[in-house]
Amino acid sequence: MAEHLMVRELRDRGIEDYVRVRSAGIAPYARDGALVSLDTRMTLRDIGIDIGDEATSTDLKRHPELLEEADLVIAMTDQQARDLAARFPLDDALIVHTLRSFAGEAGDIDDPFEQGDLVFSECRREIERLIPRVVDRLMHSNVEVR
């Protein structure tokens, strides 16, 4: 969800050509090429984002090059940030933030996996609230924007 919400925000600001956004799962159940959950697709459709019925996910374990290419990594939880650091050799300059911390807040965005459409909608609304602040900080930071 966060990837598509971020892309929409970048497009709305006219800067989508300057920032590349990629999402990749690190949870044990993450599977490269698995269909994006119906709950995710439905909650995005509720706000006019249609990713299609054939949208698939990316498993970071199968695509570690995404970290090598990254200028910024944003995880949803502190645990995910720690897991990333433990599982993957990260460049010393690459800091992993949580979505909330990069937006200037504390706390996590918990995974709504298997918790139903209401929890997915609440999660989406929270990510939507934070994304403009993330983009504001990104545009005013020293992070290289390509």
N, C-alpha and C. Protein backbone atom coordinates (compact mmCIF):
# COMPACT_ATOMS: atom_id res chain seq x y z
N MET A 1 0.82 -1.19 0.00
CA MET A 1 0.00 0.00 0.00
C MET A 1 0.86 1.26 0.00
N ALA A 2 1.88 1.26 0.83
CA ALA A 2 2.69 2.47 0.97
C ALA A 2 3.35 2.85 -0.36
N GLU A 3 3.82 1.87 -1.10
CA GLU A 3 4.44 2.17 -2.40
C GLU A 3 3.47 2.92 -3.30
N HIS A 4 2.27 2.44 -3.42
CA HIS A 4 1.30 3.05 -4.33
C HIS A 4 0.81 4.40 -3.81
N LEU A 5 0.70 4.55 -2.50
CA LEU A 5 0.32 5.83 -1.94
C LEU A 5 1.43 6.86 -2.14
N MET A 6 2.67 6.41 -2.01
CA MET A 6 3.82 7.31 -2.23
C MET A 6 3.89 7.73 -3.69
N VAL A 7 3.70 6.79 -4.60
CA VAL A 7 3.74 7.11 -6.03
C VAL A 7 2.65 8.12 -6.37
N ARG A 8 1.46 7.93 -5.80
CA ARG A 8 0.38 8.88 -6.06
C ARG A 8 0.74 10.28 -5.56
N GLU A 9 1.33 10.37 -4.38
CA GLU A 9 1.73 11.66 -3.83
C GLU A 9 2.79 12.32 -4.71
N LEU A 10 3.76 11.54 -5.16
CA LEU A 10 4.80 12.08 -6.03
C LEU A 10 4.20 12.57 -7.35
N ARG A 11 3.27 11.79 -7.90
CA ARG A 11 2.61 12.17 -9.15
C ARG A 11 1.80 13.46 -8.95
N ASP A 12 1.08 13.55 -7.84
CA ASP A 12 0.28 14.74 -7.57
C ASP A 12 1.15 15.99 -7.46
N ARG A 13 2.39 15.81 -7.02
CA ARG A 13 3.32 16.94 -6.89
C ARG A 13 4.13 17.18 -8.17
N GLY A 14 3.96 16.29 -9.15
CA GLY A 14 4.69 16.44 -10.40
C GLY A 14 6.15 16.06 -10.32
N ILE A 15 6.51 15.20 -9.36
CA ILE A 15 7.92 14.83 -9.19
C ILE A 15 8.16 13.32 -9.29
N GLU A 16 7.20 12.61 -9.86
CA GLU A 16 7.33 11.16 -9.94
C GLU A 16 8.51 10.71 -10.79
N ASP A 17 8.99 11.56 -11.68
CA ASP A 17 10.14 11.18 -12.52
C ASP A 17 11.46 11.30 -11.78
N TYR A 18 11.46 11.87 -10.59
CA TYR A 18 12.70 12.12 -9.85
C TYR A 18 12.92 11.18 -8.68
N VAL A 19 11.92 10.40 -8.34
CA VAL A 19 12.01 9.50 -7.20
C VAL A 19 11.51 8.13 -7.63
N ARG A 20 12.33 7.12 -7.42
CA ARG A 20 11.92 5.75 -7.72
C ARG A 20 11.51 5.08 -6.42
N VAL A 21 10.33 4.53 -6.40
CA VAL A 21 9.79 3.88 -5.21
C VAL A 21 9.60 2.40 -5.50
N ARG A 22 10.14 1.55 -4.63
CA ARG A 22 9.95 0.10 -4.76
C ARG A 22 9.63 -0.47 -3.40
N SER A 23 8.71 -1.38 -3.37
CA SER A 23 8.34 -2.06 -2.14
C SER A 23 8.77 -3.51 -2.24
N ALA A 24 9.26 -4.03 -1.12
CA ALA A 24 9.65 -5.44 -1.09
C ALA A 24 9.41 -5.98 0.31
N GLY A 25 8.88 -7.18 0.38
CA GLY A 25 8.58 -7.80 1.66
C GLY A 25 9.77 -8.51 2.25
N ILE A 26 9.82 -8.54 3.58
CA ILE A 26 10.88 -9.27 4.27
C ILE A 26 10.31 -10.29 5.25
N ALA A 27 9.00 -10.31 5.40
CA ALA A 27 8.37 -11.26 6.33
C ALA A 27 8.61 -12.69 5.86
N PRO A 28 8.56 -13.65 6.76
CA PRO A 28 8.77 -15.05 6.37
C PRO A 28 7.78 -15.52 5.29
N TYR A 29 6.59 -14.92 5.27
CA TYR A 29 5.59 -15.34 4.27
C TYR A 29 5.71 -14.57 2.96
N ALA A 30 6.65 -13.63 2.86
CA ALA A 30 6.83 -12.87 1.61
C ALA A 30 7.26 -13.82 0.50
N ARG A 31 6.58 -13.73 -0.63
CA ARG A 31 6.89 -14.58 -1.77
C ARG A 31 6.99 -13.74 -3.02
N ASP A 32 8.10 -13.85 -3.70
CA ASP A 32 8.30 -13.13 -4.95
C ASP A 32 7.26 -13.59 -5.97
N GLY A 33 6.55 -12.65 -6.54
CA GLY A 33 5.57 -12.97 -7.57
C GLY A 33 4.20 -13.34 -7.04
N ALA A 34 4.03 -13.35 -5.70
CA ALA A 34 2.71 -13.65 -5.15
C ALA A 34 1.77 -12.49 -5.45
N LEU A 35 0.51 -12.82 -5.69
CA LEU A 35 -0.47 -11.77 -5.94
C LEU A 35 -0.61 -10.88 -4.71
N VAL A 36 -0.71 -9.58 -4.95
CA VAL A 36 -0.98 -8.64 -3.86
C VAL A 36 -2.34 -9.01 -3.27
N SER A 37 -2.45 -8.93 -1.97
CA SER A 37 -3.67 -9.38 -1.30
C SER A 37 -4.90 -8.63 -1.80
N LEU A 38 -6.01 -9.33 -1.78
CA LEU A 38 -7.28 -8.72 -2.18
C LEU A 38 -7.60 -7.53 -1.28
N ASP A 39 -7.33 -7.65 0.02
CA ASP A 39 -7.59 -6.54 0.94
C ASP A 39 -6.80 -5.30 0.55
N THR A 40 -5.56 -5.47 0.17
CA THR A 40 -4.73 -4.34 -0.27
C THR A 40 -5.32 -3.72 -1.53
N ARG A 41 -5.64 -4.56 -2.51
CA ARG A 41 -6.18 -4.05 -3.77
C ARG A 41 -7.50 -3.33 -3.55
N MET A 42 -8.34 -3.86 -2.68
CA MET A 42 -9.65 -3.26 -2.44
C MET A 42 -9.54 -1.93 -1.70
N THR A 43 -8.68 -1.87 -0.69
CA THR A 43 -8.57 -0.62 0.07
C THR A 43 -7.93 0.48 -0.78
N LEU A 44 -7.07 0.10 -1.71
CA LEU A 44 -6.51 1.10 -2.63
C LEU A 44 -7.57 1.53 -3.65
N ARG A 45 -8.37 0.59 -4.13
CA ARG A 45 -9.45 0.94 -5.06
C ARG A 45 -10.45 1.90 -4.43
N ASP A 46 -10.65 1.76 -3.13
CA ASP A 46 -11.58 2.65 -2.42
C ASP A 46 -11.19 4.12 -2.57
N ILE A 47 -9.92 4.39 -2.82
CA ILE A 47 -9.45 5.78 -2.95
C ILE A 47 -8.97 6.07 -4.38
N GLY A 48 -9.39 5.23 -5.32
CA GLY A 48 -9.11 5.50 -6.73
C GLY A 48 -7.78 5.01 -7.25
N ILE A 49 -7.09 4.16 -6.50
CA ILE A 49 -5.84 3.58 -6.98
C ILE A 49 -6.11 2.14 -7.37
N ASP A 50 -6.05 1.85 -8.67
CA ASP A 50 -6.30 0.49 -9.15
C ASP A 50 -4.98 -0.10 -9.62
N ILE A 51 -4.46 -1.05 -8.85
CA ILE A 51 -3.19 -1.68 -9.21
C ILE A 51 -3.40 -2.92 -10.06
N GLY A 52 -4.64 -3.24 -10.34
CA GLY A 52 -4.96 -4.40 -11.16
C GLY A 52 -5.03 -5.68 -10.35
N ASP A 53 -5.70 -6.64 -10.91
CA ASP A 53 -5.88 -7.92 -10.22
C ASP A 53 -4.66 -8.83 -10.32
N GLU A 54 -3.75 -8.49 -11.21
CA GLU A 54 -2.57 -9.34 -11.41
C GLU A 54 -1.31 -8.76 -10.77
N ALA A 55 -1.44 -7.70 -9.96
CA ALA A 55 -0.28 -7.09 -9.30
C ALA A 55 0.37 -8.10 -8.38
N THR A 56 1.69 -8.14 -8.42
CA THR A 56 2.44 -9.10 -7.61
C THR A 56 3.40 -8.40 -6.66
N SER A 57 3.84 -9.15 -5.68
CA SER A 57 4.75 -8.62 -4.67
C SER A 57 6.19 -9.01 -4.99
N THR A 58 7.10 -8.35 -4.31
CA THR A 58 8.53 -8.61 -4.46
C THR A 58 9.08 -9.05 -3.12
N ASP A 59 9.85 -10.12 -3.12
CA ASP A 59 10.49 -10.63 -1.91
C ASP A 59 11.92 -10.11 -1.89
N LEU A 60 12.27 -9.33 -0.89
CA LEU A 60 13.60 -8.73 -0.82
C LEU A 60 14.70 -9.79 -0.74
N LYS A 61 14.39 -10.93 -0.16
CA LYS A 61 15.40 -12.00 -0.08
C LYS A 61 15.84 -12.43 -1.48
N ARG A 62 14.96 -12.32 -2.45
CA ARG A 62 15.28 -12.71 -3.82
C ARG A 62 15.81 -11.53 -4.64
N HIS A 63 15.67 -10.32 -4.10
CA HIS A 63 16.10 -9.12 -4.83
C HIS A 63 16.90 -8.17 -3.93
N PRO A 64 18.01 -8.66 -3.36
CA PRO A 64 18.81 -7.80 -2.48
C PRO A 64 19.42 -6.61 -3.23
N GLU A 65 19.45 -6.68 -4.54
CA GLU A 65 19.98 -5.55 -5.32
C GLU A 65 19.17 -4.27 -5.09
N LEU A 66 17.92 -4.42 -4.67
CA LEU A 66 17.12 -3.24 -4.38
C LEU A 66 17.74 -2.42 -3.26
N LEU A 67 18.33 -3.10 -2.28
CA LEU A 67 19.01 -2.39 -1.20
C LEU A 67 20.30 -1.76 -1.69
N GLU A 68 21.01 -2.45 -2.58
CA GLU A 68 22.26 -1.91 -3.13
C GLU A 68 22.00 -0.64 -3.93
N GLU A 69 20.85 -0.56 -4.57
CA GLU A 69 20.50 0.59 -5.41
C GLU A 69 19.85 1.71 -4.62
N ALA A 70 19.47 1.45 -3.39
CA ALA A 70 18.67 2.41 -2.62
C ALA A 70 19.51 3.54 -2.03
N ASP A 71 18.91 4.72 -2.01
CA ASP A 71 19.46 5.87 -1.30
C ASP A 71 18.77 6.03 0.05
N LEU A 72 17.59 5.46 0.18
CA LEU A 72 16.79 5.57 1.39
C LEU A 72 15.95 4.31 1.51
N VAL A 73 15.86 3.76 2.72
CA VAL A 73 15.01 2.61 2.97
C VAL A 73 14.06 2.98 4.10
N ILE A 74 12.78 2.76 3.85
CA ILE A 74 11.76 3.04 4.85
C ILE A 74 11.00 1.74 5.13
N ALA A 75 11.07 1.31 6.37
CA ALA A 75 10.35 0.11 6.82
C ALA A 75 9.08 0.56 7.55
N MET A 76 8.21 -0.36 7.76
CA MET A 76 6.98 -0.03 8.48
C MET A 76 7.15 -0.13 9.98
N THR A 77 8.06 -1.00 10.45
CA THR A 77 8.24 -1.20 11.89
C THR A 77 9.72 -1.18 12.25
N ASP A 78 9.99 -0.90 13.53
CA ASP A 78 11.36 -0.98 14.03
C ASP A 78 11.91 -2.40 13.86
N GLN A 79 11.06 -3.41 14.08
CA GLN A 79 11.50 -4.79 13.93
C GLN A 79 11.94 -5.07 12.49
N GLN A 80 11.20 -4.57 11.52
CA GLN A 80 11.60 -4.74 10.13
C GLN A 80 12.94 -4.06 9.87
N ALA A 81 13.14 -2.89 10.42
CA ALA A 81 14.42 -2.19 10.25
C ALA A 81 15.56 -3.01 10.83
N ARG A 82 15.34 -3.59 12.02
CA ARG A 82 16.38 -4.44 12.63
C ARG A 82 16.61 -5.70 11.79
N ASP A 83 15.52 -6.30 11.30
CA ASP A 83 15.65 -7.50 10.45
C ASP A 83 16.45 -7.21 9.18
N LEU A 84 16.19 -6.05 8.59
CA LEU A 84 16.94 -5.66 7.40
C LEU A 84 18.43 -5.59 7.70
N ALA A 85 18.78 -4.91 8.78
CA ALA A 85 20.18 -4.77 9.16
C ALA A 85 20.83 -6.12 9.48
N ALA A 86 20.06 -7.02 10.08
CA ALA A 86 20.60 -8.33 10.44
C ALA A 86 20.75 -9.26 9.24
N ARG A 87 19.86 -9.17 8.28
CA ARG A 87 19.85 -10.11 7.15
C ARG A 87 20.67 -9.67 5.95
N PHE A 88 20.84 -8.37 5.79
CA PHE A 88 21.45 -7.87 4.57
C PHE A 88 22.63 -6.96 4.91
N PRO A 89 23.71 -7.10 4.16
CA PRO A 89 24.83 -6.16 4.36
C PRO A 89 24.44 -4.80 3.78
N LEU A 90 24.27 -3.83 4.65
CA LEU A 90 23.87 -2.50 4.22
C LEU A 90 25.09 -1.58 4.16
N ASP A 91 25.11 -0.72 3.18
CA ASP A 91 26.14 0.31 3.08
C ASP A 91 26.07 1.15 4.35
N ASP A 92 27.22 1.53 4.87
CA ASP A 92 27.25 2.32 6.11
C ASP A 92 26.46 3.62 6.00
N ALA A 93 26.37 4.18 4.81
CA ALA A 93 25.65 5.44 4.62
C ALA A 93 24.14 5.24 4.53
N LEU A 94 23.70 4.00 4.36
CA LEU A 94 22.28 3.72 4.19
C LEU A 94 21.62 3.51 5.54
N ILE A 95 20.78 4.45 5.92
CA ILE A 95 20.06 4.38 7.19
C ILE A 95 18.65 3.89 6.90
N VAL A 96 18.21 2.93 7.69
CA VAL A 96 16.85 2.43 7.55
C VAL A 96 15.97 3.18 8.55
N HIS A 97 14.96 3.83 8.05
CA HIS A 97 14.00 4.55 8.88
C HIS A 97 12.69 3.78 8.90
N THR A 98 11.85 4.09 9.87
CA THR A 98 10.47 3.63 9.77
C THR A 98 9.69 4.76 9.11
N LEU A 99 8.52 4.44 8.59
CA LEU A 99 7.70 5.45 7.96
C LEU A 99 7.38 6.56 8.96
N ARG A 100 7.00 6.16 10.16
CA ARG A 100 6.68 7.16 11.19
C ARG A 100 7.90 8.00 11.56
N SER A 101 9.06 7.37 11.74
CA SER A 101 10.23 8.15 12.15
C SER A 101 10.65 9.13 11.05
N PHE A 102 10.56 8.72 9.79
CA PHE A 102 10.92 9.64 8.71
C PHE A 102 9.92 10.79 8.61
N ALA A 103 8.70 10.56 9.08
CA ALA A 103 7.68 11.61 9.09
C ALA A 103 7.73 12.43 10.38
N GLY A 104 8.68 12.11 11.27
CA GLY A 104 8.84 12.88 12.49
C GLY A 104 8.02 12.41 13.67
N GLU A 105 7.59 11.16 13.64
CA GLU A 105 6.79 10.59 14.73
C GLU A 105 7.44 9.31 15.24
N ALA A 106 6.94 8.83 16.35
CA ALA A 106 7.41 7.56 16.91
C ALA A 106 6.36 6.49 16.65
N GLY A 107 6.81 5.23 16.66
CA GLY A 107 5.88 4.12 16.54
C GLY A 107 5.97 3.42 15.21
N ASP A 108 5.19 2.37 15.10
CA ASP A 108 5.19 1.49 13.94
C ASP A 108 3.88 1.58 13.18
N ILE A 109 3.92 1.10 11.95
CA ILE A 109 2.72 0.83 11.17
C ILE A 109 2.64 -0.69 11.10
N ASP A 110 1.75 -1.26 11.87
CA ASP A 110 1.65 -2.72 11.94
C ASP A 110 1.04 -3.29 10.67
N ASP A 111 1.50 -4.46 10.30
CA ASP A 111 1.03 -5.16 9.12
C ASP A 111 -0.41 -5.60 9.33
N PRO A 112 -1.31 -5.21 8.44
CA PRO A 112 -2.72 -5.60 8.60
C PRO A 112 -3.02 -6.99 8.03
N PHE A 113 -2.00 -7.73 7.62
CA PHE A 113 -2.15 -9.04 7.00
C PHE A 113 -3.13 -9.91 7.79
N GLU A 114 -4.11 -10.43 7.07
CA GLU A 114 -5.14 -11.34 7.59
C GLU A 114 -5.99 -10.74 8.72
N GLN A 115 -6.10 -9.41 8.76
CA GLN A 115 -6.91 -8.78 9.80
C GLN A 115 -8.18 -8.16 9.25
N GLY A 116 -8.45 -8.32 7.97
CA GLY A 116 -9.71 -7.88 7.41
C GLY A 116 -9.68 -6.48 6.83
N ASP A 117 -10.74 -6.16 6.11
CA ASP A 117 -10.79 -4.92 5.34
C ASP A 117 -10.83 -3.67 6.21
N LEU A 118 -11.43 -3.72 7.38
CA LEU A 118 -11.46 -2.53 8.24
C LEU A 118 -10.06 -2.16 8.73
N VAL A 119 -9.29 -3.15 9.13
CA VAL A 119 -7.93 -2.89 9.59
C VAL A 119 -7.07 -2.41 8.43
N PHE A 120 -7.26 -2.99 7.25
CA PHE A 120 -6.53 -2.52 6.06
C PHE A 120 -6.86 -1.06 5.77
N SER A 121 -8.12 -0.69 5.87
CA SER A 121 -8.52 0.70 5.61
C SER A 121 -7.92 1.65 6.64
N GLU A 122 -7.91 1.25 7.90
CA GLU A 122 -7.29 2.08 8.94
C GLU A 122 -5.80 2.24 8.67
N CYS A 123 -5.15 1.16 8.29
CA CYS A 123 -3.73 1.20 7.98
C CYS A 123 -3.48 2.14 6.79
N ARG A 124 -4.29 2.02 5.75
CA ARG A 124 -4.15 2.87 4.57
C ARG A 124 -4.32 4.34 4.94
N ARG A 125 -5.30 4.65 5.76
CA ARG A 125 -5.52 6.04 6.16
C ARG A 125 -4.32 6.58 6.94
N GLU A 126 -3.73 5.77 7.77
CA GLU A 126 -2.56 6.21 8.54
C GLU A 126 -1.36 6.44 7.61
N ILE A 127 -1.15 5.55 6.68
CA ILE A 127 -0.06 5.74 5.71
C ILE A 127 -0.34 6.98 4.87
N GLU A 128 -1.57 7.17 4.43
CA GLU A 128 -1.94 8.37 3.66
C GLU A 128 -1.64 9.65 4.43
N ARG A 129 -1.88 9.64 5.72
CA ARG A 129 -1.63 10.80 6.55
C ARG A 129 -0.14 11.12 6.61
N LEU A 130 0.69 10.09 6.66
CA LEU A 130 2.13 10.27 6.83
C LEU A 130 2.88 10.58 5.53
N ILE A 131 2.41 10.05 4.43
CA ILE A 131 3.14 10.16 3.16
C ILE A 131 3.46 11.60 2.76
N PRO A 132 2.54 12.56 2.85
CA PRO A 132 2.92 13.93 2.48
C PRO A 132 4.09 14.47 3.31
N ARG A 133 4.13 14.12 4.59
CA ARG A 133 5.24 14.55 5.44
C ARG A 133 6.54 13.87 5.04
N VAL A 134 6.45 12.60 4.65
CA VAL A 134 7.63 11.87 4.18
C VAL A 134 8.17 12.53 2.92
N VAL A 135 7.30 12.85 1.99
CA VAL A 135 7.74 13.47 0.74
C VAL A 135 8.31 14.86 1.01
N ASP A 136 7.68 15.62 1.91
CA ASP A 136 8.23 16.93 2.26
C ASP A 136 9.66 16.79 2.78
N ARG A 137 9.87 15.85 3.68
CA ARG A 137 11.22 15.66 4.25
C ARG A 137 12.18 15.16 3.18
N LEU A 138 11.73 14.27 2.36
CA LEU A 138 12.58 13.74 1.29
C LEU A 138 13.05 14.87 0.38
N MET A 139 12.16 15.76 0.04
CA MET A 139 12.50 16.84 -0.88
C MET A 139 13.42 17.87 -0.25
N HIS A 140 13.48 17.90 1.09
CA HIS A 140 14.33 18.88 1.78
C HIS A 140 15.49 18.21 2.51
N SER A 141 15.82 16.99 2.13
CA SER A 141 16.90 16.26 2.79
C SER A 141 18.11 16.18 1.87
N ASN A 142 19.13 15.54 2.38
CA ASN A 142 20.35 15.31 1.60
C ASN A 142 20.30 14.00 0.85
N VAL A 143 19.16 13.32 0.88
CA VAL A 143 19.02 12.06 0.17
C VAL A 143 19.04 12.36 -1.32
N GLU A 144 19.84 11.62 -2.05
CA GLU A 144 19.91 11.81 -3.50
C GLU A 144 18.60 11.42 -4.13
N VAL A 145 18.04 12.29 -4.91
CA VAL A 145 16.79 12.00 -5.61
C VAL A 145 17.14 11.75 -7.07
N ARG A 146 16.82 10.54 -7.55
CA ARG A 146 17.13 10.21 -8.94
C ARG A 146 15.88 9.99 -9.73
